[in-house]
Amino acid sequence: MVKYAAVAVGAIALGGLMFWMSKEDELDYKKFTLEKLKELFVEIELEVTCIYARNYAHMLSLKEKDEWADENMTEIRTTVNNEIMDKVADTVS
């Protein structure tokens, strides 16, 4: 599941980046290089890893306290998805 989420985030980031770059009248290949694209993906990967780790720790904490319910999983998934979308939007803009 983590792999699918990472692929989805990468696809969204790439799509956002391509859209943003397509708004330029003329693409400056000195400004937009493969290295900068790789740096962008590394940054997104680090941000997404932190989001998953933090929410997984929260889930484990709830389980340790015997406060876990099935509704918590829906809440955590929603939180993770929203945080990932926010990070991708911040990174691409």
Protein backbone atom coordinates (compact mmCIF):
# COMPACT_ATOMS: atom_id res chain seq x y z
CA MET A 1 0.00 0.00 0.00
CA VAL A 2 2.88 2.36 0.78
CA LYS A 3 4.33 1.68 -2.68
CA TYR A 4 1.04 2.60 -4.35
CA ALA A 5 0.80 5.78 -2.30
CA ALA A 6 4.38 6.71 -3.22
CA VAL A 7 3.66 6.10 -6.91
CA ALA A 8 0.47 8.17 -6.68
CA VAL A 9 2.29 11.04 -4.98
CA GLY A 10 5.04 10.89 -7.58
CA ALA A 11 2.51 10.95 -10.42
CA ILE A 12 0.65 13.88 -8.88
CA ALA A 13 3.89 15.77 -8.30
CA LEU A 14 5.09 15.10 -11.84
CA GLY A 15 1.75 16.19 -13.25
CA GLY A 16 1.80 19.37 -11.17
CA LEU A 17 5.36 20.09 -12.16
CA MET A 18 4.62 19.57 -15.84
CA PHE A 19 1.54 21.81 -15.61
CA TRP A 20 3.54 24.52 -13.86
CA MET A 21 6.36 24.26 -16.37
CA SER A 22 3.91 24.33 -19.31
CA LYS A 23 2.69 27.78 -18.21
CA GLU A 24 6.07 29.19 -19.23
CA ASP A 25 6.11 30.79 -22.68
CA GLU A 26 9.44 29.23 -23.50
CA LEU A 27 10.95 26.44 -21.42
CA ASP A 28 14.40 27.38 -20.14
CA TYR A 29 16.35 24.11 -20.08
CA LYS A 30 19.11 25.72 -18.02
CA LYS A 31 16.57 26.42 -15.28
CA PHE A 32 14.61 23.13 -15.43
CA THR A 33 17.14 20.31 -15.44
CA LEU A 34 16.91 16.60 -14.74
CA GLU A 35 18.97 17.15 -11.59
CA LYS A 36 16.46 19.67 -10.25
CA LEU A 37 13.62 17.24 -10.99
CA LYS A 38 15.47 14.51 -9.09
CA GLU A 39 15.98 16.90 -6.16
CA LEU A 40 12.26 17.64 -6.17
CA PHE A 41 11.41 13.92 -6.00
CA VAL A 42 13.88 13.35 -3.16
CA GLU A 43 12.29 16.21 -1.22
CA ILE A 44 8.79 14.85 -1.80
CA GLU A 45 9.90 11.35 -0.78
CA LEU A 46 11.35 12.68 2.49
CA GLU A 47 8.21 14.65 3.26
CA VAL A 48 5.93 11.68 2.55
CA THR A 49 8.08 9.36 4.65
CA CYS A 50 7.78 11.74 7.62
CA ILE A 51 4.00 11.90 7.20
CA TYR A 52 3.67 8.11 7.18
CA ALA A 53 6.04 7.65 10.12
CA ARG A 54 4.28 10.24 12.28
CA ASN A 55 0.81 8.84 11.61
CA TYR A 56 1.98 5.26 12.09
CA ALA A 57 3.42 6.24 15.48
CA HIS A 58 0.08 7.85 16.34
CA MET A 59 -1.72 4.64 15.36
CA LEU A 60 0.61 2.53 17.52
CA SER A 61 0.10 4.92 20.42
CA LEU A 62 -3.67 4.52 20.20
CA LYS A 63 -3.31 0.74 20.08
CA GLU A 64 -1.04 0.72 23.14
CA LYS A 65 -3.59 2.75 25.10
CA ASP A 66 -6.41 0.42 23.95
CA GLU A 67 -8.12 3.42 22.35
CA TRP A 68 -8.05 1.97 18.84
CA ALA A 69 -11.28 1.71 16.85
CA ASP A 70 -11.92 1.04 13.16
CA GLU A 71 -12.98 4.67 12.72
CA ASN A 72 -9.43 5.72 13.62
CA MET A 73 -8.11 4.09 10.44
CA THR A 74 -10.42 6.19 8.27
CA GLU A 75 -9.35 9.31 10.14
CA ILE A 76 -5.65 8.47 9.78
CA ARG A 77 -6.02 7.72 6.05
CA THR A 78 -7.81 11.01 5.51
CA THR A 79 -5.14 12.87 7.48
CA VAL A 80 -2.31 11.21 5.53
CA ASN A 81 -3.93 11.93 2.17
CA ASN A 82 -4.57 15.58 3.06
CA GLU A 83 -1.04 16.09 4.39
CA ILE A 84 0.49 14.50 1.28
CA MET A 85 -1.58 16.68 -1.04
CA ASP A 86 -0.56 19.78 0.94
CA LYS A 87 3.15 18.84 0.79
CA VAL A 88 3.01 18.13 -2.94
CA ALA A 89 1.26 21.44 -3.57
CA ASP A 90 3.83 23.30 -1.44
CA THR A 91 6.76 21.54 -3.11
CA VAL A 92 5.57 22.12 -6.68
CA SER A 93 4.58 25.74 -6.18
